[in-house]
Protein backbone atom coordinates (compact mmCIF):
# COMPACT_ATOMS: atom_id res chain seq x y z
CA UNK A 1 93.77 74.69 105.82
CA UNK A 2 94.71 72.42 102.88
CA UNK A 3 97.63 71.23 100.78
CA UNK A 4 97.57 74.18 98.43
CA UNK A 5 100.95 75.84 98.03
CA UNK A 6 101.64 79.33 99.30
CA UNK A 7 101.69 80.65 95.73
CA UNK A 8 98.30 79.07 95.02
CA UNK A 9 96.78 80.73 98.06
CA UNK A 10 98.25 84.17 97.38
CA UNK A 11 97.16 84.06 93.75
CA UNK A 12 93.63 82.87 94.57
CA UNK A 13 93.13 85.65 97.13
CA UNK A 14 94.60 88.22 94.71
CA UNK A 15 96.82 89.27 97.62
CA UNK A 16 94.19 91.49 99.18
CA UNK A 17 94.64 92.46 102.80
CA UNK A 18 97.57 92.60 105.19
CA UNK A 19 99.73 89.48 105.55
CA UNK A 20 102.19 87.96 107.98
CA UNK A 21 104.19 84.94 106.81
CA UNK A 22 106.12 83.11 109.53
CA UNK A 23 108.92 80.68 108.60
CA UNK A 24 110.77 78.49 111.10
CA UNK A 25 114.49 78.66 110.29
CA UNK A 26 115.94 75.96 112.55
CA UNK A 27 115.13 72.91 114.62
CA UNK A 28 112.89 69.94 113.92
CA UNK A 29 110.27 72.11 112.18
CA UNK A 30 112.69 74.11 110.02
CA UNK A 31 110.89 75.19 106.86
CA UNK A 32 107.39 75.06 108.32
CA UNK A 33 105.31 78.12 107.52
CA UNK A 34 102.07 79.78 108.56
CA UNK A 35 100.34 82.61 106.71
CA UNK A 36 98.02 85.12 108.35
CA UNK A 37 95.77 87.53 106.51
CA UNK A 38 94.33 90.41 108.53
CA UNK A 39 95.22 88.44 111.67
CA UNK A 40 93.48 85.19 110.72
CA UNK A 41 95.31 81.97 109.84
CA UNK A 42 94.90 81.44 106.09
CA UNK A 43 97.38 78.69 105.20
CA UNK A 44 100.11 76.54 106.70
CA UNK A 45 102.49 73.75 105.78
CA UNK A 46 101.55 70.29 106.97
CA UNK A 47 103.82 70.44 110.00
CA UNK A 48 103.50 73.83 111.70
CA UNK A 49 102.68 72.89 115.28
CA UNK A 50 105.15 75.37 116.77
CA UNK A 51 103.66 78.25 114.79
CA UNK A 52 100.13 77.17 115.70
CA UNK A 53 101.03 77.15 119.38
CA UNK A 54 102.50 80.64 119.02
CA UNK A 55 99.63 82.01 116.92
CA UNK A 56 98.88 84.84 119.36
CA UNK A 57 102.48 86.06 119.12
CA UNK A 58 102.30 86.06 115.33
CA UNK A 59 98.98 87.91 115.38
CA UNK A 60 100.58 90.64 117.49
CA UNK A 61 103.50 91.03 115.06
CA UNK A 62 103.50 94.50 113.45
CA UNK A 63 106.86 94.57 111.66
CA UNK A 64 109.10 92.30 109.61
CA UNK A 65 111.92 90.69 111.57
CA UNK A 66 113.09 87.75 113.65
CA UNK A 67 111.25 86.14 116.55
CA UNK A 68 112.47 83.52 119.00
CA UNK A 69 109.65 81.06 119.59
CA UNK A 70 110.24 78.16 121.97
CA UNK A 71 113.97 78.63 121.47
CA UNK A 72 113.79 78.52 117.66
CA UNK A 73 114.56 81.38 115.26
CA UNK A 74 111.55 82.39 113.16
CA UNK A 75 111.41 84.95 110.35
CA UNK A 76 108.14 86.91 110.27
CA UNK A 77 107.51 88.87 107.09
CA UNK A 78 104.82 91.54 106.89
CA UNK A 79 103.53 92.46 103.44
CA UNK A 80 100.44 93.87 101.81
CA UNK A 81 98.47 93.41 98.63
CA UNK A 82 100.02 93.80 95.19
CA UNK A 83 100.23 97.55 94.41
CA UNK A 84 97.86 98.80 91.72
CA UNK A 85 98.10 102.07 89.83
CA UNK A 86 94.87 103.72 88.68
CA UNK A 87 95.43 106.39 86.02
CA UNK A 88 92.60 108.82 85.27
CA UNK A 89 93.20 110.49 81.92
CA UNK A 90 94.66 109.43 78.60
CA UNK A 91 97.06 112.15 77.44
CA UNK A 92 100.79 111.98 76.75
CA UNK A 93 101.76 112.02 80.43
CA UNK A 94 99.26 109.27 81.23
CA UNK A 95 100.59 107.06 78.43
CA UNK A 96 104.18 107.64 79.56
CA UNK A 97 103.22 106.84 83.16
CA UNK A 98 101.59 103.58 82.11
CA UNK A 99 104.71 102.52 80.18
CA UNK A 100 107.04 103.33 83.07
CA UNK A 101 104.82 101.65 85.67
CA UNK A 102 104.79 98.47 83.62
CA UNK A 103 108.59 98.51 83.55
CA UNK A 104 108.41 98.25 87.36
CA UNK A 105 105.88 95.43 87.16
CA UNK A 106 103.02 97.48 88.61
CA UNK A 107 99.53 96.47 87.40
CA UNK A 108 97.76 99.45 85.81
CA UNK A 109 94.08 100.26 85.40
CA UNK A 110 93.55 103.31 83.17
CA UNK A 111 90.43 105.37 82.51
CA UNK A 112 89.47 107.83 79.80
CA UNK A 113 86.09 108.74 78.34
CA UNK A 114 87.39 109.05 74.76
CA UNK A 115 87.97 105.91 72.71
CA UNK A 116 90.94 107.39 70.85
CA UNK A 117 92.77 108.04 74.12
CA UNK A 118 91.61 104.78 75.66
CA UNK A 119 93.27 103.03 72.74
CA UNK A 120 96.51 104.91 73.42
CA UNK A 121 96.41 103.65 77.00
CA UNK A 122 95.98 100.09 75.74
CA UNK A 123 98.92 100.55 73.38
CA UNK A 124 101.00 101.86 76.29
CA UNK A 125 100.48 98.54 78.09
CA UNK A 126 97.72 99.18 80.64
CA UNK A 127 96.40 95.88 82.02
CA UNK A 128 92.82 97.17 82.07
CA UNK A 129 91.36 100.16 80.24
CA UNK A 130 87.89 101.53 80.97
CA UNK A 131 86.43 103.79 78.30
CA UNK A 132 83.60 105.50 80.14
CA UNK A 133 82.81 108.74 81.98
CA UNK A 134 85.23 109.06 84.89
CA UNK A 135 82.58 109.02 87.62
CA UNK A 136 80.95 105.94 86.14
CA UNK A 137 84.22 104.06 85.71
CA UNK A 138 85.43 104.88 89.22
CA UNK A 139 82.28 103.38 90.73
CA UNK A 140 83.70 99.97 89.91
CA UNK A 141 87.15 100.68 91.39
CA UNK A 142 87.08 99.79 95.10
CA UNK A 143 90.45 101.24 96.03
CA UNK A 144 92.48 99.75 98.86
CA UNK A 145 95.52 100.06 101.07
CA UNK A 146 97.79 99.37 98.06
CA UNK A 147 95.92 101.40 95.43
CA UNK A 148 97.71 104.45 93.97
CA UNK A 149 95.58 107.00 92.09
CA UNK A 150 97.05 109.44 89.54
CA UNK A 151 94.56 112.02 88.25
CA UNK A 152 95.84 113.38 84.94
CA UNK A 153 92.71 114.62 83.18
CA UNK A 154 92.37 117.43 80.64
CA UNK A 155 90.32 119.79 82.82
CA UNK A 156 89.87 120.75 86.46
CA UNK A 157 86.19 119.85 86.02
CA UNK A 158 87.17 116.23 85.37
CA UNK A 159 89.80 116.42 88.14
CA UNK A 160 87.06 117.41 90.56
CA UNK A 161 84.81 114.66 89.25
CA UNK A 162 87.51 112.03 89.79
CA UNK A 163 88.71 113.28 93.17
CA UNK A 164 85.20 113.58 94.58
CA UNK A 165 84.91 109.81 94.16
CA UNK A 166 88.50 108.79 94.84
CA UNK A 167 88.74 110.63 98.17
CA UNK A 168 85.86 108.52 99.46
CA UNK A 169 87.80 105.31 98.78
CA UNK A 170 90.72 103.75 100.66
CA UNK A 171 94.01 104.56 98.94
CA UNK A 172 97.75 104.49 99.52
CA UNK A 173 98.30 107.60 97.41
CA UNK A 174 96.28 110.19 95.50
CA UNK A 175 97.94 112.71 93.20
CA UNK A 176 96.64 115.29 90.72
CA UNK A 177 98.48 116.93 87.85
CA UNK A 178 98.15 120.68 87.41
CA UNK A 179 99.50 124.06 88.39
CA UNK A 180 99.51 125.28 91.98
CA UNK A 181 96.60 127.55 91.11
CA UNK A 182 94.59 124.68 89.65
CA UNK A 183 95.42 122.53 92.68
CA UNK A 184 94.27 125.27 95.07
CA UNK A 185 91.01 125.69 93.14
CA UNK A 186 90.25 121.97 93.20
CA UNK A 187 91.10 121.70 96.91
CA UNK A 188 88.76 124.58 97.71
CA UNK A 189 85.93 123.05 95.68
CA UNK A 190 86.43 119.64 97.26
CA UNK A 191 86.21 121.20 100.72
CA UNK A 192 83.07 123.11 99.73
CA UNK A 193 81.58 119.85 98.49
CA UNK A 194 81.99 118.29 101.93
CA UNK A 195 84.98 116.00 101.35
CA UNK A 196 87.10 115.06 104.35
CA UNK A 197 89.65 117.80 105.03
CA UNK A 198 92.37 115.33 106.08
CA UNK A 199 92.05 113.45 102.79
CA UNK A 200 92.21 116.75 100.90
CA UNK A 201 95.34 117.81 102.82
CA UNK A 202 96.99 114.49 101.92
CA UNK A 203 96.37 115.04 98.20
CA UNK A 204 99.66 115.32 96.26
CA UNK A 205 98.96 118.29 94.02
CA UNK A 206 100.83 119.31 92.02
CA UNK A 207 101.67 115.66 91.52
CA UNK A 208 105.21 114.24 91.43
CA UNK A 209 108.59 114.98 92.95
CA UNK A 210 110.19 118.35 92.18
CA UNK A 211 112.87 117.26 89.69
CA UNK A 212 112.38 120.06 87.17
CA UNK A 213 110.47 117.75 84.81
CA UNK A 214 109.46 119.24 81.45
CA UNK A 215 108.63 116.50 78.94
CA UNK A 216 105.79 114.00 79.29
CA UNK A 217 108.28 111.22 80.06
CA UNK A 218 110.03 113.33 82.70
CA UNK A 219 106.74 114.29 84.35
CA UNK A 220 105.71 110.62 84.37
CA UNK A 221 109.07 109.77 85.95
CA UNK A 222 108.51 112.35 88.70
CA UNK A 223 105.06 110.88 89.40
CA UNK A 224 106.28 107.31 89.52
CA UNK A 225 109.22 108.31 91.72
CA UNK A 226 106.80 109.86 94.20
CA UNK A 227 104.63 106.74 94.16
CA UNK A 228 107.66 104.50 94.74
CA UNK A 229 108.78 106.80 97.57
CA UNK A 230 105.41 106.44 99.28
CA UNK A 231 105.24 102.69 98.63
CA UNK A 232 108.70 101.94 99.96
CA UNK A 233 108.24 104.05 103.09
CA UNK A 234 105.50 101.70 104.29
CA UNK A 235 106.51 99.33 107.16
CA UNK A 236 106.28 96.15 105.08
CA UNK A 237 108.24 94.23 102.46
CA UNK A 238 107.50 94.09 98.74
CA UNK A 239 105.79 90.75 99.30
CA UNK A 240 105.26 88.66 96.19
CA UNK A 241 105.26 90.77 93.01
CA UNK A 242 102.97 89.59 90.21
CA UNK A 243 105.76 88.33 87.92
CA UNK A 244 107.36 86.34 90.74
CA UNK A 245 104.08 84.83 91.89
CA UNK A 246 103.12 83.89 88.33
CA UNK A 247 106.50 82.19 87.86
CA UNK A 248 106.09 80.24 91.11
CA UNK A 249 102.64 79.01 90.07
CA UNK A 250 103.85 78.12 86.58
CA UNK A 251 106.78 76.12 87.97
CA UNK A 252 104.47 74.24 90.32
CA UNK A 253 102.01 73.41 87.54
CA UNK A 254 104.86 72.11 85.38
CA UNK A 255 106.27 70.14 88.36
CA UNK A 256 109.51 72.05 87.92
CA UNK A 257 111.60 72.35 91.08
CA UNK A 258 112.74 75.86 91.93
CA UNK A 259 114.42 77.75 94.74
CA UNK A 260 112.94 80.88 96.28
CA UNK A 261 115.60 83.24 97.64
CA UNK A 262 114.46 85.87 100.17
CA UNK A 263 116.61 88.49 101.90
CA UNK A 264 115.82 88.08 105.60
CA UNK A 265 118.46 90.40 107.10
CA UNK A 266 120.81 93.12 105.93
CA UNK A 267 123.36 95.47 107.51
CA UNK A 268 125.26 98.33 105.95
CA UNK A 269 125.18 99.00 102.22
CA UNK A 270 123.32 96.40 100.14
CA UNK A 271 121.29 97.00 96.96
CA UNK A 272 117.99 95.42 98.08
CA UNK A 273 116.05 95.53 101.32
CA UNK A 274 114.70 92.76 103.53
CA UNK A 275 111.92 90.85 101.79
CA UNK A 276 113.34 91.16 98.27
CA UNK A 277 112.86 87.86 96.44
CA UNK A 278 114.22 85.91 93.49
CA UNK A 279 113.09 82.60 92.00
CA UNK A 280 115.88 80.38 90.62
CA UNK A 281 114.97 77.68 88.08
CA UNK A 282 116.99 74.57 87.15
CA UNK A 283 118.30 76.12 83.92
CA UNK A 284 119.77 79.02 85.90
CA UNK A 285 117.14 81.52 84.78
CA UNK A 286 115.76 83.85 87.44
CA UNK A 287 112.67 85.92 88.16
CA UNK A 288 113.11 88.87 90.50
CA UNK A 289 116.35 90.02 92.11
CA UNK A 290 118.21 90.07 95.41
CA UNK A 291 120.56 92.82 94.29
CA UNK A 292 122.25 91.84 91.04
CA UNK A 293 125.97 91.55 90.38
CA UNK A 294 128.28 89.04 91.97
CA UNK A 295 126.11 88.90 95.12
CA UNK A 296 123.25 87.55 93.07
CA UNK A 297 125.65 85.23 91.24
CA UNK A 298 126.62 83.51 94.50
CA UNK A 299 122.97 83.24 95.52
CA UNK A 300 122.12 81.54 92.21
CA UNK A 301 125.06 79.16 92.64
CA UNK A 302 123.89 78.18 96.13
CA UNK A 303 120.34 77.72 94.84
CA UNK A 304 121.52 75.43 92.05
CA UNK A 305 123.38 73.29 94.58
CA UNK A 306 120.13 72.87 96.50
CA UNK A 307 118.29 71.94 93.31
CA UNK A 308 120.93 69.30 92.56
CA UNK A 309 119.99 67.54 95.81
CA UNK A 310 116.54 66.80 94.34
CA UNK A 311 114.91 66.94 97.78
CA UNK A 312 113.14 69.77 99.60
CA UNK A 313 115.69 71.78 101.54
CA UNK A 314 116.23 75.05 103.38
CA UNK A 315 119.42 77.05 103.79
CA UNK A 316 120.32 80.43 105.28
CA UNK A 317 123.09 81.89 103.11
CA UNK A 318 125.40 84.44 104.73
CA UNK A 319 127.08 87.11 102.57
CA UNK A 320 129.40 89.20 104.73
CA UNK A 321 131.96 91.97 104.34
CA UNK A 322 133.97 90.92 107.37
CA UNK A 323 137.01 90.06 105.25
CA UNK A 324 137.05 86.37 106.16
CA UNK A 325 136.03 85.43 102.66
CA UNK A 326 137.10 87.78 99.89
CA UNK A 327 134.43 86.64 97.42
CA UNK A 328 131.48 87.02 99.77
CA UNK A 329 132.88 90.31 101.04
CA UNK A 330 132.88 91.63 97.48
CA UNK A 331 129.42 90.22 96.95
CA UNK A 332 127.99 92.10 99.89
CA UNK A 333 129.01 95.50 98.47
CA UNK A 334 130.35 96.75 101.79
CA UNK A 335 127.47 95.43 103.88
CA UNK A 336 126.23 92.04 104.96
CA UNK A 337 123.06 90.14 104.30
CA UNK A 338 121.37 86.83 105.01
CA UNK A 339 119.37 85.11 102.29
CA UNK A 340 116.86 82.35 102.95
CA UNK A 341 116.86 79.67 100.24
CA UNK A 342 113.82 77.38 100.04
CA UNK A 343 113.24 74.65 97.48
CA UNK A 344 109.74 74.53 96.03
CA UNK A 345 108.57 71.11 94.91
CA UNK A 346 105.03 71.16 93.50
CA UNK A 347 103.05 70.83 96.71
CA UNK A 348 105.83 69.25 98.78
CA UNK A 349 107.20 70.88 101.90
CA UNK A 350 110.45 70.82 103.81
CA UNK A 351 110.37 68.08 106.40
């Protein structure tokens, strides 16, 4: 345990593993936090005695939600590592998939054994491009609970080569492009080669959602939609996306105060789910989103009021459609939500 900030810790660990972040919302220790990774305490604010005393309860937490600990309301958020997309192949669909994934802020590692196509993947915006035989390149890709593999090679021989290695790694998703006949052939060969039958059955092949896609961009869209569907069905929040985490670290290094807004509850129709986050800076600029529109406008206004206080603070902002307040009713888009606002002050914490 040390005085590193939460953002420092998450960035230094590269957000690997499964996390639980507990935040006390009321009482004398309001604003205190404790972070667990894979069940072990990794970081805490200076004053987190309540959370330390209730460590066993937090370790048993399996879903995001509210806890009542010693009479105090606590928000426990479960999230995983930053998602990573691994694209095997460098054709038109692969390049389109890389471009679209980057629009969603997903880090991309792409592989092709031909320099010409590797260069196209770089031009498309892939964060890392490996130009090497697929089997060789995949040896250095560990996989993980938040790794999504898309196999888009030019031949079923290379598909088989990739999948033989990928299906022996942990993964959130594995998909392969090709016809139903090609998919059946590869599945049969994988089974004959001794790969685990359950992993083979879980293979998404043909890859992508059935949206009648025809062009490379449409096929890429169907693939990314399927990946997002799998990702968002997992029992955890989006955590701290790369762009948000980078902005938090940058603000701290520059000693720039900021407010982190997190949706901690929602009911009815609202654009974003629990765990969605937005960083608000003193100039009114934002990173991330809690839903856009007038709802987000009111959140930014409340955050700027906190920043004007020039002291660490915490606030739970209620946006409701109960008709008592016309503006907040409009903002909630027919539902209701609670947003946690926390000021971030370069290593300081809420007292």
